[in-house]
Amino acid sequence: MASDIIISIYVIASLYFRIKFENETPVSATNSVVIGACFVIILWALIKLKILNPRWFGLFNSKKV
């Protein structure tokens, strides 16, 4: 559950940062996509390295083997 909260805060903070940064400075569409991809890659890497273990707030049933 803690991973879900951390991921939610990260996504909201990164969206806020992107919107604020892009409104204050002229940023091209390519730069915007690269910034967004960097934020997603950081989150993906943390999940892939098993630092974060999202359960998606219990919305999806996990398969137990």
PDB file of N, CA and C in Angstrom:
ATOM      1  N   MET A   1       0.829  -1.193   0.000  1.00  0.00           N
ATOM      2  CA  MET A   1       0.000   0.000   0.000  1.00  0.00           C
ATOM      3  C   MET A   1       0.872   1.256   0.000  1.00  0.00           C
ATOM      4  N   ALA A   2       1.998   1.193   0.679  1.00  0.00           N
ATOM      5  CA  ALA A   2       2.882   2.350   0.713  1.00  0.00           C
ATOM      6  C   ALA A   2       3.429   2.649  -0.676  1.00  0.00           C
ATOM      7  N   SER A   3       3.714   1.597  -1.453  1.00  0.00           N
ATOM      8  CA  SER A   3       4.208   1.805  -2.819  1.00  0.00           C
ATOM      9  C   SER A   3       3.165   2.520  -3.670  1.00  0.00           C
ATOM     10  N   ASP A   4       1.901   2.158  -3.496  1.00  0.00           N
ATOM     11  CA  ASP A   4       0.837   2.819  -4.254  1.00  0.00           C
ATOM     12  C   ASP A   4       0.767   4.304  -3.927  1.00  0.00           C
ATOM     13  N   ILE A   5       0.908   4.639  -2.667  1.00  0.00           N
ATOM     14  CA  ILE A   5       0.857   6.046  -2.254  1.00  0.00           C
ATOM     15  C   ILE A   5       2.065   6.805  -2.786  1.00  0.00           C
ATOM     16  N   ILE A   6       3.246   6.198  -2.695  1.00  0.00           N
ATOM     17  CA  ILE A   6       4.451   6.849  -3.212  1.00  0.00           C
ATOM     18  C   ILE A   6       4.352   7.066  -4.711  1.00  0.00           C
ATOM     19  N   ILE A   7       3.851   6.079  -5.445  1.00  0.00           N
ATOM     20  CA  ILE A   7       3.690   6.210  -6.893  1.00  0.00           C
ATOM     21  C   ILE A   7       2.684   7.307  -7.220  1.00  0.00           C
ATOM     22  N   SER A   8       1.595   7.371  -6.492  1.00  0.00           N
ATOM     23  CA  SER A   8       0.586   8.406  -6.735  1.00  0.00           C
ATOM     24  C   SER A   8       1.158   9.801  -6.495  1.00  0.00           C
ATOM     25  N   ILE A   9       1.891   9.960  -5.401  1.00  0.00           N
ATOM     26  CA  ILE A   9       2.510  11.256  -5.106  1.00  0.00           C
ATOM     27  C   ILE A   9       3.529  11.611  -6.184  1.00  0.00           C
ATOM     28  N   TYR A  10       4.318  10.637  -6.636  1.00  0.00           N
ATOM     29  CA  TYR A  10       5.315  10.861  -7.679  1.00  0.00           C
ATOM     30  C   TYR A  10       4.655  11.314  -8.982  1.00  0.00           C
ATOM     31  N   VAL A  11       3.584  10.653  -9.370  1.00  0.00           N
ATOM     32  CA  VAL A  11       2.899  11.008 -10.618  1.00  0.00           C
ATOM     33  C   VAL A  11       2.308  12.407 -10.531  1.00  0.00           C
ATOM     34  N   ILE A  12       1.660  12.725  -9.431  1.00  0.00           N
ATOM     35  CA  ILE A  12       1.062  14.053  -9.268  1.00  0.00           C
ATOM     36  C   ILE A  12       2.141  15.135  -9.234  1.00  0.00           C
ATOM     37  N   ALA A  13       3.235  14.877  -8.512  1.00  0.00           N
ATOM     38  CA  ALA A  13       4.322  15.863  -8.428  1.00  0.00           C
ATOM     39  C   ALA A  13       4.997  16.055  -9.779  1.00  0.00           C
ATOM     40  N   SER A  14       5.198  14.972 -10.523  1.00  0.00           N
ATOM     41  CA  SER A  14       5.846  15.107 -11.828  1.00  0.00           C
ATOM     42  C   SER A  14       4.946  15.842 -12.819  1.00  0.00           C
ATOM     43  N   LEU A  15       3.654  15.587 -12.778  1.00  0.00           N
ATOM     44  CA  LEU A  15       2.731  16.334 -13.646  1.00  0.00           C
ATOM     45  C   LEU A  15       2.709  17.811 -13.276  1.00  0.00           C
ATOM     46  N   TYR A  16       2.688  18.107 -11.985  1.00  0.00           N
ATOM     47  CA  TYR A  16       2.718  19.497 -11.535  1.00  0.00           C
ATOM     48  C   TYR A  16       3.996  20.181 -12.008  1.00  0.00           C
ATOM     49  N   PHE A  17       5.140  19.500 -11.830  1.00  0.00           N
ATOM     50  CA  PHE A  17       6.418  20.064 -12.246  1.00  0.00           C
ATOM     51  C   PHE A  17       6.426  20.332 -13.750  1.00  0.00           C
ATOM     52  N   ARG A  18       5.954  19.371 -14.538  1.00  0.00           N
ATOM     53  CA  ARG A  18       5.949  19.543 -15.994  1.00  0.00           C
ATOM     54  C   ARG A  18       5.054  20.699 -16.417  1.00  0.00           C
ATOM     55  N   ILE A  19       3.865  20.778 -15.869  1.00  0.00           N
ATOM     56  CA  ILE A  19       2.937  21.844 -16.250  1.00  0.00           C
ATOM     57  C   ILE A  19       3.495  23.201 -15.842  1.00  0.00           C
ATOM     58  N   LYS A  20       4.019  23.294 -14.623  1.00  0.00           N
ATOM     59  CA  LYS A  20       4.585  24.557 -14.145  1.00  0.00           C
ATOM     60  C   LYS A  20       5.807  24.962 -14.969  1.00  0.00           C
ATOM     61  N   PHE A  21       6.715  24.032 -15.217  1.00  0.00           N
ATOM     62  CA  PHE A  21       7.926  24.304 -15.975  1.00  0.00           C
ATOM     63  C   PHE A  21       7.606  24.697 -17.417  1.00  0.00           C
ATOM     64  N   GLU A  22       6.679  23.996 -18.038  1.00  0.00           N
ATOM     65  CA  GLU A  22       6.368  24.266 -19.437  1.00  0.00           C
ATOM     66  C   GLU A  22       5.578  25.556 -19.617  1.00  0.00           C
ATOM     67  N   ASN A  23       4.858  25.994 -18.600  1.00  0.00           N
ATOM     68  CA  ASN A  23       4.157  27.278 -18.686  1.00  0.00           C
ATOM     69  C   ASN A  23       5.105  28.460 -18.496  1.00  0.00           C
ATOM     70  N   GLU A  24       6.151  28.269 -17.691  1.00  0.00           N
ATOM     71  CA  GLU A  24       7.077  29.359 -17.402  1.00  0.00           C
ATOM     72  C   GLU A  24       8.134  29.549 -18.486  1.00  0.00           C
ATOM     73  N   THR A  25       8.514  28.482 -19.159  1.00  0.00           N
ATOM     74  CA  THR A  25       9.544  28.564 -20.188  1.00  0.00           C
ATOM     75  C   THR A  25       9.011  27.982 -21.493  1.00  0.00           C
ATOM     76  N   PRO A  26       9.438  28.545 -22.608  1.00  0.00           N
ATOM     77  CA  PRO A  26       9.005  27.967 -23.889  1.00  0.00           C
ATOM     78  C   PRO A  26       9.713  26.633 -24.139  1.00  0.00           C
ATOM     79  N   VAL A  27       8.936  25.579 -24.173  1.00  0.00           N
ATOM     80  CA  VAL A  27       9.470  24.235 -24.356  1.00  0.00           C
ATOM     81  C   VAL A  27       8.834  23.644 -25.606  1.00  0.00           C
ATOM     82  N   SER A  28       9.672  23.050 -26.454  1.00  0.00           N
ATOM     83  CA  SER A  28       9.137  22.430 -27.670  1.00  0.00           C
ATOM     84  C   SER A  28       8.435  21.115 -27.326  1.00  0.00           C
ATOM     85  N   ALA A  29       7.690  20.610 -28.263  1.00  0.00           N
ATOM     86  CA  ALA A  29       6.964  19.358 -28.043  1.00  0.00           C
ATOM     87  C   ALA A  29       7.930  18.195 -27.826  1.00  0.00           C
ATOM     88  N   THR A  30       9.046  18.210 -28.530  1.00  0.00           N
ATOM     89  CA  THR A  30      10.031  17.147 -28.370  1.00  0.00           C
ATOM     90  C   THR A  30      10.615  17.148 -26.962  1.00  0.00           C
ATOM     91  N   ASN A  31      10.956  18.314 -26.458  1.00  0.00           N
ATOM     92  CA  ASN A  31      11.477  18.406 -25.094  1.00  0.00           C
ATOM     93  C   ASN A  31      10.443  17.953 -24.073  1.00  0.00           C
ATOM     94  N   SER A  32       9.200  18.280 -24.300  1.00  0.00           N
ATOM     95  CA  SER A  32       8.138  17.875 -23.397  1.00  0.00           C
ATOM     96  C   SER A  32       8.006  16.354 -23.359  1.00  0.00           C
ATOM     97  N   VAL A  33       8.087  15.720 -24.510  1.00  0.00           N
ATOM     98  CA  VAL A  33       7.997  14.264 -24.576  1.00  0.00           C
ATOM     99  C   VAL A  33       9.197  13.622 -23.884  1.00  0.00           C
ATOM    100  N   VAL A  34      10.387  14.183 -24.073  1.00  0.00           N
ATOM    101  CA  VAL A  34      11.589  13.640 -23.438  1.00  0.00           C
ATOM    102  C   VAL A  34      11.504  13.773 -21.920  1.00  0.00           C
ATOM    103  N   ILE A  35      11.041  14.897 -21.424  1.00  0.00           N
ATOM    104  CA  ILE A  35      10.889  15.093 -19.975  1.00  0.00           C
ATOM    105  C   ILE A  35       9.884  14.081 -19.415  1.00  0.00           C
ATOM    106  N   GLY A  36       8.761  13.924 -20.083  1.00  0.00           N
ATOM    107  CA  GLY A  36       7.755  12.953 -19.649  1.00  0.00           C
ATOM    108  C   GLY A  36       8.283  11.534 -19.674  1.00  0.00           C
ATOM    109  N   ALA A  37       9.043  11.190 -20.719  1.00  0.00           N
ATOM    110  CA  ALA A  37       9.612   9.842 -20.819  1.00  0.00           C
ATOM    111  C   ALA A  37      10.619   9.592 -19.698  1.00  0.00           C
ATOM    112  N   CYS A  38      11.383  10.607 -19.341  1.00  0.00           N
ATOM    113  CA  CYS A  38      12.348  10.452 -18.240  1.00  0.00           C
ATOM    114  C   CYS A  38      11.636  10.155 -16.928  1.00  0.00           C
ATOM    115  N   PHE A  39      10.550  10.857 -16.656  1.00  0.00           N
ATOM    116  CA  PHE A  39       9.788  10.597 -15.439  1.00  0.00           C
ATOM    117  C   PHE A  39       9.218   9.177 -15.438  1.00  0.00           C
ATOM    118  N   VAL A  40       8.730   8.722 -16.576  1.00  0.00           N
ATOM    119  CA  VAL A  40       8.161   7.378 -16.665  1.00  0.00           C
ATOM    120  C   VAL A  40       9.254   6.321 -16.528  1.00  0.00           C
ATOM    121  N   ILE A  41      10.418   6.555 -17.126  1.00  0.00           N
ATOM    122  CA  ILE A  41      11.514   5.588 -17.045  1.00  0.00           C
ATOM    123  C   ILE A  41      12.012   5.454 -15.609  1.00  0.00           C
ATOM    124  N   ILE A  42      12.074   6.555 -14.874  1.00  0.00           N
ATOM    125  CA  ILE A  42      12.483   6.486 -13.462  1.00  0.00           C
ATOM    126  C   ILE A  42      11.503   5.624 -12.675  1.00  0.00           C
ATOM    127  N   LEU A  43      10.223   5.844 -12.878  1.00  0.00           N
ATOM    128  CA  LEU A  43       9.206   5.061 -12.175  1.00  0.00           C
ATOM    129  C   LEU A  43       9.275   3.591 -12.585  1.00  0.00           C
ATOM    130  N   TRP A  44       9.429   3.324 -13.877  1.00  0.00           N
ATOM    131  CA  TRP A  44       9.531   1.953 -14.378  1.00  0.00           C
ATOM    132  C   TRP A  44      10.736   1.242 -13.773  1.00  0.00           C
ATOM    133  N   ALA A  45      11.877   1.945 -13.691  1.00  0.00           N
ATOM    134  CA  ALA A  45      13.088   1.341 -13.147  1.00  0.00           C
ATOM    135  C   ALA A  45      12.907   0.984 -11.673  1.00  0.00           C
ATOM    136  N   LEU A  46      12.260   1.855 -10.916  1.00  0.00           N
ATOM    137  CA  LEU A  46      12.037   1.561  -9.495  1.00  0.00           C
ATOM    138  C   LEU A  46      11.128   0.344  -9.314  1.00  0.00           C
ATOM    139  N   ILE A  47      10.145   0.191 -10.191  1.00  0.00           N
ATOM    140  CA  ILE A  47       9.263  -0.981 -10.112  1.00  0.00           C
ATOM    141  C   ILE A  47      10.007  -2.230 -10.578  1.00  0.00           C
ATOM    142  N   LYS A  48      10.780  -2.107 -11.635  1.00  0.00           N
ATOM    143  CA  LYS A  48      11.518  -3.251 -12.179  1.00  0.00           C
ATOM    144  C   LYS A  48      12.576  -3.760 -11.202  1.00  0.00           C
ATOM    145  N   LEU A  49      13.215  -2.857 -10.450  1.00  0.00           N
ATOM    146  CA  LEU A  49      14.218  -3.241  -9.464  1.00  0.00           C
ATOM    147  C   LEU A  49      13.592  -3.722  -8.150  1.00  0.00           C
ATOM    148  N   LYS A  50      12.269  -3.780  -8.113  1.00  0.00           N
ATOM    149  CA  LYS A  50      11.524  -4.234  -6.934  1.00  0.00           C
ATOM    150  C   LYS A  50      11.703  -3.325  -5.729  1.00  0.00           C
ATOM    151  N   ILE A  51      12.046  -2.059  -5.979  1.00  0.00           N
ATOM    152  CA  ILE A  51      12.078  -1.084  -4.895  1.00  0.00           C
ATOM    153  C   ILE A  51      10.651  -0.682  -4.553  1.00  0.00           C
ATOM    154  N   LEU A  52       9.836  -0.517  -5.592  1.00  0.00           N
ATOM    155  CA  LEU A  52       8.411  -0.256  -5.410  1.00  0.00           C
ATOM    156  C   LEU A  52       7.638  -1.482  -5.895  1.00  0.00           C
ATOM    157  N   ASN A  53       6.638  -1.880  -5.138  1.00  0.00           N
ATOM    158  CA  ASN A  53       5.810  -3.037  -5.487  1.00  0.00           C
ATOM    159  C   ASN A  53       4.345  -2.620  -5.507  1.00  0.00           C
ATOM    160  N   PRO A  54       3.896  -2.067  -6.635  1.00  0.00           N
ATOM    161  CA  PRO A  54       2.517  -1.573  -6.670  1.00  0.00           C
ATOM    162  C   PRO A  54       1.495  -2.700  -6.652  1.00  0.00           C
ATOM    163  N   ARG A  55       0.428  -2.470  -5.963  1.00  0.00           N
ATOM    164  CA  ARG A  55      -0.709  -3.391  -5.941  1.00  0.00           C
ATOM    165  C   ARG A  55      -1.928  -2.748  -6.582  1.00  0.00           C
ATOM    166  N   TRP A  56      -1.751  -1.539  -7.121  1.00  0.00           N
ATOM    167  CA  TRP A  56      -2.788  -0.789  -7.829  1.00  0.00           C
ATOM    168  C   TRP A  56      -4.027  -0.606  -6.981  1.00  0.00           C
ATOM    169  N   PHE A  57      -3.807  -0.347  -5.692  1.00  0.00           N
ATOM    170  CA  PHE A  57      -4.867  -0.097  -4.709  1.00  0.00           C
ATOM    171  C   PHE A  57      -5.879  -1.246  -4.644  1.00  0.00           C
ATOM    172  N   GLY A  58      -5.443  -2.449  -4.963  1.00  0.00           N
ATOM    173  CA  GLY A  58      -6.318  -3.631  -4.878  1.00  0.00           C
ATOM    174  C   GLY A  58      -7.332  -3.723  -6.003  1.00  0.00           C
ATOM    175  N   LEU A  59      -7.158  -2.963  -7.064  1.00  0.00           N
ATOM    176  CA  LEU A  59      -8.126  -2.992  -8.165  1.00  0.00           C
ATOM    177  C   LEU A  59      -8.022  -4.240  -9.013  1.00  0.00           C
ATOM    178  N   PHE A  60      -6.845  -4.802  -9.108  1.00  0.00           N
ATOM    179  CA  PHE A  60      -6.637  -5.994  -9.919  1.00  0.00           C
ATOM    180  C   PHE A  60      -6.292  -7.151  -9.016  1.00  0.00           C
ATOM    181  N   ASN A  61      -6.856  -8.310  -9.291  1.00  0.00           N
ATOM    182  CA  ASN A  61      -6.533  -9.497  -8.506  1.00  0.00           C
ATOM    183  C   ASN A  61      -5.197 -10.050  -8.967  1.00  0.00           C
ATOM    184  N   SER A  62      -4.315 -10.306  -8.030  1.00  0.00           N
ATOM    185  CA  SER A  62      -3.025 -10.867  -8.394  1.00  0.00           C
ATOM    186  C   SER A  62      -3.159 -12.389  -8.491  1.00  0.00           C
ATOM    187  N   LYS A  63      -2.497 -12.955  -9.476  1.00  0.00           N
ATOM    188  CA  LYS A  63      -2.534 -14.404  -9.654  1.00  0.00           C
ATOM    189  C   LYS A  63      -1.560 -15.042  -8.692  1.00  0.00           C
ATOM    190  N   LYS A  64      -2.018 -16.033  -7.991  1.00  0.00           N
ATOM    191  CA  LYS A  64      -1.152 -16.745  -7.048  1.00  0.00           C
ATOM    192  C   LYS A  64      -0.870 -18.117  -7.608  1.00  0.00           C
ATOM    193  N   VAL A  65       0.406 -18.431  -7.668  1.00  0.00           N
ATOM    194  CA  VAL A  65       0.806 -19.716  -8.242  1.00  0.00           C
ATOM    195  C   VAL A  65       1.082 -20.700  -7.133  1.00  0.00           C
TER     196      VAL A  65
END
